[in-house]
């Protein structure tokens, strides 16, 4: 696919029936770049376990998993994970992954905007946070353009191919009124 071809992409919430597709994408993207915390070891979860997790998240008021689907294939996942613990259930941790073959098409921005729209309706959420490798300049730039602020740089935050790399902790406050 060339970057100038238009694509039809559906973005929707994940449901338990998507478990196998979610696992497949995460395992596939784990080794496409050094930006993921997972590697060749894979996700280490069964389809049944993932389906139960998706069911639990789908019915939660501070969790959301969105899928990007092209030609009936899951090519991206964006999520907000909140805790059930009362003292920290207002915090949502963001994660996003897009198949490298679909980079540069604006899907990361689109999925992040959809997540932020969902989060703005989840009154319980007041803080969104994420971690991104310092060297991932494109992702950092996207997050900054969406209002995320750098809070800290975690030295030796991740190890990739024997090299220790810095990780940025970023956050955005929402629903404060």
C-alpha atoms as a PDB file:
ATOM      1  CA  UNK A   1       0.000   0.000   0.000  1.00  0.00           C
ATOM      2  CA  UNK A   2       1.303   3.466  -0.820  1.00  0.00           C
ATOM      3  CA  UNK A   3       0.800   6.348   1.581  1.00  0.00           C
ATOM      4  CA  UNK A   4      -1.326   8.215  -0.997  1.00  0.00           C
ATOM      5  CA  UNK A   5      -3.964   5.511  -1.402  1.00  0.00           C
ATOM      6  CA  UNK A   6      -7.122   6.212   0.590  1.00  0.00           C
ATOM      7  CA  UNK A   7      -8.124   3.441   2.959  1.00  0.00           C
ATOM      8  CA  UNK A   8     -11.430   2.531   4.502  1.00  0.00           C
ATOM      9  CA  UNK A   9     -10.832   2.186   8.219  1.00  0.00           C
ATOM     10  CA  UNK A  10     -13.459   1.351  10.804  1.00  0.00           C
ATOM     11  CA  UNK A  11     -12.813   2.316  14.415  1.00  0.00           C
ATOM     12  CA  UNK A  12     -14.960   0.622  17.030  1.00  0.00           C
ATOM     13  CA  UNK A  13     -14.830  -0.685  20.574  1.00  0.00           C
ATOM     14  CA  UNK A  14     -13.393  -4.151  21.041  1.00  0.00           C
ATOM     15  CA  UNK A  15     -15.685  -6.963  22.181  1.00  0.00           C
ATOM     16  CA  UNK A  16     -14.806 -10.449  23.467  1.00  0.00           C
ATOM     17  CA  UNK A  17     -15.150 -11.964  19.973  1.00  0.00           C
ATOM     18  CA  UNK A  18     -12.139  -9.818  18.933  1.00  0.00           C
ATOM     19  CA  UNK A  19      -9.766 -11.567  21.350  1.00  0.00           C
ATOM     20  CA  UNK A  20      -7.903 -13.655  18.776  1.00  0.00           C
ATOM     21  CA  UNK A  21      -7.440 -10.668  16.435  1.00  0.00           C
ATOM     22  CA  UNK A  22      -6.141  -8.536  19.313  1.00  0.00           C
ATOM     23  CA  UNK A  23      -3.609 -11.184  20.332  1.00  0.00           C
ATOM     24  CA  UNK A  24      -2.504 -11.670  16.731  1.00  0.00           C
ATOM     25  CA  UNK A  25      -1.905  -7.944  16.203  1.00  0.00           C
ATOM     26  CA  UNK A  26      -0.019  -7.498  19.470  1.00  0.00           C
ATOM     27  CA  UNK A  27       2.177 -10.510  18.757  1.00  0.00           C
ATOM     28  CA  UNK A  28       2.813  -9.321  15.189  1.00  0.00           C
ATOM     29  CA  UNK A  29       3.664  -5.730  16.133  1.00  0.00           C
ATOM     30  CA  UNK A  30       5.838  -6.756  19.093  1.00  0.00           C
ATOM     31  CA  UNK A  31       8.850  -7.231  16.830  1.00  0.00           C
ATOM     32  CA  UNK A  32       8.140  -4.631  14.119  1.00  0.00           C
ATOM     33  CA  UNK A  33       9.958  -1.926  16.064  1.00  0.00           C
ATOM     34  CA  UNK A  34      11.831  -1.556  19.321  1.00  0.00           C
ATOM     35  CA  UNK A  35       9.101   0.735  20.680  1.00  0.00           C
ATOM     36  CA  UNK A  36       6.987  -1.996  22.301  1.00  0.00           C
ATOM     37  CA  UNK A  37       7.661  -3.367  25.781  1.00  0.00           C
ATOM     38  CA  UNK A  38       6.782  -6.830  24.517  1.00  0.00           C
ATOM     39  CA  UNK A  39       9.172  -8.751  22.312  1.00  0.00           C
ATOM     40  CA  UNK A  40       9.494 -12.147  20.682  1.00  0.00           C
ATOM     41  CA  UNK A  41       8.124 -13.789  23.820  1.00  0.00           C
ATOM     42  CA  UNK A  42       4.649 -12.725  22.711  1.00  0.00           C
ATOM     43  CA  UNK A  43       1.680 -11.719  24.780  1.00  0.00           C
ATOM     44  CA  UNK A  44       1.556 -14.921  26.835  1.00  0.00           C
ATOM     45  CA  UNK A  45      -2.226 -14.989  27.143  1.00  0.00           C
ATOM     46  CA  UNK A  46      -4.833 -17.363  25.708  1.00  0.00           C
ATOM     47  CA  UNK A  47      -7.704 -16.289  23.487  1.00  0.00           C
ATOM     48  CA  UNK A  48     -10.113 -17.245  26.288  1.00  0.00           C
ATOM     49  CA  UNK A  49      -8.245 -15.101  28.831  1.00  0.00           C
ATOM     50  CA  UNK A  50      -8.179 -12.142  26.433  1.00  0.00           C
ATOM     51  CA  UNK A  51     -11.905 -12.544  25.719  1.00  0.00           C
ATOM     52  CA  UNK A  52     -12.669 -12.427  29.460  1.00  0.00           C
ATOM     53  CA  UNK A  53     -10.491  -9.325  29.841  1.00  0.00           C
ATOM     54  CA  UNK A  54     -12.186  -7.569  26.901  1.00  0.00           C
ATOM     55  CA  UNK A  55     -15.609  -8.412  28.365  1.00  0.00           C
ATOM     56  CA  UNK A  56     -14.602  -6.953  31.736  1.00  0.00           C
ATOM     57  CA  UNK A  57     -13.175  -3.797  30.120  1.00  0.00           C
ATOM     58  CA  UNK A  58     -16.165  -3.316  27.809  1.00  0.00           C
ATOM     59  CA  UNK A  59     -18.544  -3.039  30.757  1.00  0.00           C
ATOM     60  CA  UNK A  60     -16.275  -0.703  32.759  1.00  0.00           C
ATOM     61  CA  UNK A  61     -16.742   3.070  33.069  1.00  0.00           C
ATOM     62  CA  UNK A  62     -13.002   3.861  33.085  1.00  0.00           C
ATOM     63  CA  UNK A  63     -11.671   1.415  30.481  1.00  0.00           C
ATOM     64  CA  UNK A  64     -11.896   1.454  26.715  1.00  0.00           C
ATOM     65  CA  UNK A  65     -10.300  -0.586  23.934  1.00  0.00           C
ATOM     66  CA  UNK A  66     -10.687   0.683  20.377  1.00  0.00           C
ATOM     67  CA  UNK A  67      -9.796  -1.252  17.258  1.00  0.00           C
ATOM     68  CA  UNK A  68      -8.837   0.056  13.826  1.00  0.00           C
ATOM     69  CA  UNK A  69     -10.021  -2.374  11.161  1.00  0.00           C
ATOM     70  CA  UNK A  70      -9.074  -2.368   7.471  1.00  0.00           C
ATOM     71  CA  UNK A  71     -10.450  -5.053   5.134  1.00  0.00           C
ATOM     72  CA  UNK A  72     -11.796  -6.985   8.151  1.00  0.00           C
ATOM     73  CA  UNK A  73      -8.291  -7.121   9.685  1.00  0.00           C
ATOM     74  CA  UNK A  74      -7.404  -5.465  13.003  1.00  0.00           C
ATOM     75  CA  UNK A  75      -4.468  -3.172  12.230  1.00  0.00           C
ATOM     76  CA  UNK A  76      -4.503  -0.950  15.322  1.00  0.00           C
ATOM     77  CA  UNK A  77      -5.448  -0.921  18.988  1.00  0.00           C
ATOM     78  CA  UNK A  78      -5.784   2.070  21.284  1.00  0.00           C
ATOM     79  CA  UNK A  79      -6.804   1.713  24.902  1.00  0.00           C
ATOM     80  CA  UNK A  80      -7.407   3.427  28.191  1.00  0.00           C
ATOM     81  CA  UNK A  81      -6.959   1.234  31.247  1.00  0.00           C
ATOM     82  CA  UNK A  82      -8.238   2.470  34.585  1.00  0.00           C
ATOM     83  CA  UNK A  83      -7.988   0.779  37.946  1.00  0.00           C
ATOM     84  CA  UNK A  84     -10.881  -0.497  40.048  1.00  0.00           C
ATOM     85  CA  UNK A  85      -9.083   0.785  43.179  1.00  0.00           C
ATOM     86  CA  UNK A  86     -11.068   3.770  44.526  1.00  0.00           C
ATOM     87  CA  UNK A  87      -8.042   5.996  45.144  1.00  0.00           C
ATOM     88  CA  UNK A  88      -6.729   5.734  41.568  1.00  0.00           C
ATOM     89  CA  UNK A  89      -9.760   4.922  39.405  1.00  0.00           C
ATOM     90  CA  UNK A  90      -9.655   8.488  38.061  1.00  0.00           C
ATOM     91  CA  UNK A  91      -6.384   7.700  36.226  1.00  0.00           C
ATOM     92  CA  UNK A  92      -6.440   6.135  32.777  1.00  0.00           C
ATOM     93  CA  UNK A  93      -3.288   4.682  31.232  1.00  0.00           C
ATOM     94  CA  UNK A  94      -3.163   5.001  27.453  1.00  0.00           C
ATOM     95  CA  UNK A  95      -1.642   2.482  25.097  1.00  0.00           C
ATOM     96  CA  UNK A  96      -1.632   2.484  21.316  1.00  0.00           C
ATOM     97  CA  UNK A  97      -0.176   0.253  18.635  1.00  0.00           C
ATOM     98  CA  UNK A  98      -0.580   0.352  14.872  1.00  0.00           C
ATOM     99  CA  UNK A  99       0.757  -2.177  12.397  1.00  0.00           C
ATOM    100  CA  UNK A 100       3.872  -0.632  10.856  1.00  0.00           C
ATOM    101  CA  UNK A 101       2.467  -1.122   7.359  1.00  0.00           C
ATOM    102  CA  UNK A 102      -0.177   1.502   8.210  1.00  0.00           C
ATOM    103  CA  UNK A 103       2.094   4.161   9.712  1.00  0.00           C
ATOM    104  CA  UNK A 104       2.041   7.635   8.227  1.00  0.00           C
ATOM    105  CA  UNK A 105      -1.660   7.612   7.350  1.00  0.00           C
ATOM    106  CA  UNK A 106      -2.895   9.597  10.352  1.00  0.00           C
ATOM    107  CA  UNK A 107      -4.372   6.563  12.111  1.00  0.00           C
ATOM    108  CA  UNK A 108      -2.454   7.241  15.327  1.00  0.00           C
ATOM    109  CA  UNK A 109      -3.949  10.720  15.558  1.00  0.00           C
ATOM    110  CA  UNK A 110      -7.410   9.467  14.624  1.00  0.00           C
ATOM    111  CA  UNK A 111      -7.330   6.733  17.252  1.00  0.00           C
ATOM    112  CA  UNK A 112      -5.970   9.069  19.926  1.00  0.00           C
ATOM    113  CA  UNK A 113      -8.704  11.616  19.144  1.00  0.00           C
ATOM    114  CA  UNK A 114     -11.343   8.870  19.424  1.00  0.00           C
ATOM    115  CA  UNK A 115      -9.874   7.802  22.795  1.00  0.00           C
ATOM    116  CA  UNK A 116      -9.896  11.385  24.044  1.00  0.00           C
ATOM    117  CA  UNK A 117     -13.515  11.799  22.921  1.00  0.00           C
ATOM    118  CA  UNK A 118     -14.464   8.636  24.799  1.00  0.00           C
ATOM    119  CA  UNK A 119     -12.522   9.753  27.879  1.00  0.00           C
ATOM    120  CA  UNK A 120     -14.305  13.125  27.902  1.00  0.00           C
ATOM    121  CA  UNK A 121     -17.606  11.270  28.394  1.00  0.00           C
ATOM    122  CA  UNK A 122     -16.197   9.089  31.189  1.00  0.00           C
ATOM    123  CA  UNK A 123     -16.706  11.497  34.077  1.00  0.00           C
ATOM    124  CA  UNK A 124     -14.699   9.296  36.432  1.00  0.00           C
ATOM    125  CA  UNK A 125     -11.485   9.961  34.452  1.00  0.00           C
ATOM    126  CA  UNK A 126      -9.531  13.087  35.440  1.00  0.00           C
ATOM    127  CA  UNK A 127      -5.996  12.156  34.408  1.00  0.00           C
ATOM    128  CA  UNK A 128      -4.708  10.359  31.345  1.00  0.00           C
ATOM    129  CA  UNK A 129      -1.125   9.168  31.282  1.00  0.00           C
ATOM    130  CA  UNK A 130       1.176   7.309  28.967  1.00  0.00           C
ATOM    131  CA  UNK A 131       4.769   6.296  28.552  1.00  0.00           C
ATOM    132  CA  UNK A 132       6.677   6.603  25.305  1.00  0.00           C
ATOM    133  CA  UNK A 133      10.299   5.972  24.502  1.00  0.00           C
ATOM    134  CA  UNK A 134      12.276   9.195  24.300  1.00  0.00           C
ATOM    135  CA  UNK A 135      13.606   8.199  20.876  1.00  0.00           C
ATOM    136  CA  UNK A 136      10.066   7.862  19.444  1.00  0.00           C
ATOM    137  CA  UNK A 137       9.891  11.487  18.318  1.00  0.00           C
ATOM    138  CA  UNK A 138       6.844  11.042  16.069  1.00  0.00           C
ATOM    139  CA  UNK A 139       4.739   9.639  18.884  1.00  0.00           C
ATOM    140  CA  UNK A 140       5.935  12.268  21.365  1.00  0.00           C
ATOM    141  CA  UNK A 141       5.071  15.019  18.897  1.00  0.00           C
ATOM    142  CA  UNK A 142       1.584  13.570  18.392  1.00  0.00           C
ATOM    143  CA  UNK A 143       0.933  13.375  22.131  1.00  0.00           C
ATOM    144  CA  UNK A 144       2.174  16.937  22.688  1.00  0.00           C
ATOM    145  CA  UNK A 145      -0.091  18.207  19.885  1.00  0.00           C
ATOM    146  CA  UNK A 146      -3.042  16.610  21.701  1.00  0.00           C
ATOM    147  CA  UNK A 147      -2.247  18.390  24.970  1.00  0.00           C
ATOM    148  CA  UNK A 148      -0.122  15.827  26.791  1.00  0.00           C
ATOM    149  CA  UNK A 149       2.706  17.274  28.855  1.00  0.00           C
ATOM    150  CA  UNK A 150       6.057  15.758  29.711  1.00  0.00           C
ATOM    151  CA  UNK A 151       6.257  15.013  33.439  1.00  0.00           C
ATOM    152  CA  UNK A 152       9.466  13.043  33.687  1.00  0.00           C
ATOM    153  CA  UNK A 153      12.123  11.203  31.763  1.00  0.00           C
ATOM    154  CA  UNK A 154      12.711   7.767  33.234  1.00  0.00           C
ATOM    155  CA  UNK A 155      16.381   6.949  32.773  1.00  0.00           C
ATOM    156  CA  UNK A 156      16.944   3.325  31.738  1.00  0.00           C
ATOM    157  CA  UNK A 157      13.158   2.975  31.448  1.00  0.00           C
ATOM    158  CA  UNK A 158      13.343   0.116  28.967  1.00  0.00           C
ATOM    159  CA  UNK A 159      15.971  -2.268  27.610  1.00  0.00           C
ATOM    160  CA  UNK A 160      15.942  -3.074  23.892  1.00  0.00           C
ATOM    161  CA  UNK A 161      18.511  -5.362  22.256  1.00  0.00           C
ATOM    162  CA  UNK A 162      20.874  -4.908  25.181  1.00  0.00           C
ATOM    163  CA  UNK A 163      20.609  -1.098  25.159  1.00  0.00           C
ATOM    164  CA  UNK A 164      19.021   0.836  28.021  1.00  0.00           C
ATOM    165  CA  UNK A 165      16.744   3.599  26.762  1.00  0.00           C
ATOM    166  CA  UNK A 166      14.985   6.557  28.331  1.00  0.00           C
ATOM    167  CA  UNK A 167      11.192   6.658  28.580  1.00  0.00           C
ATOM    168  CA  UNK A 168       8.997   9.770  28.805  1.00  0.00           C
ATOM    169  CA  UNK A 169       6.113   9.899  31.284  1.00  0.00           C
ATOM    170  CA  UNK A 170       3.391  12.176  29.858  1.00  0.00           C
ATOM    171  CA  UNK A 171      -0.052  13.160  31.110  1.00  0.00           C
ATOM    172  CA  UNK A 172      -3.141  15.214  30.354  1.00  0.00           C
ATOM    173  CA  UNK A 173      -5.817  16.363  32.782  1.00  0.00           C
ATOM    174  CA  UNK A 174      -9.446  16.111  31.621  1.00  0.00           C
ATOM    175  CA  UNK A 175     -13.028  16.538  32.910  1.00  0.00           C
ATOM    176  CA  UNK A 176     -11.964  19.000  35.609  1.00  0.00           C
ATOM    177  CA  UNK A 177     -15.128  21.123  35.613  1.00  0.00           C
END
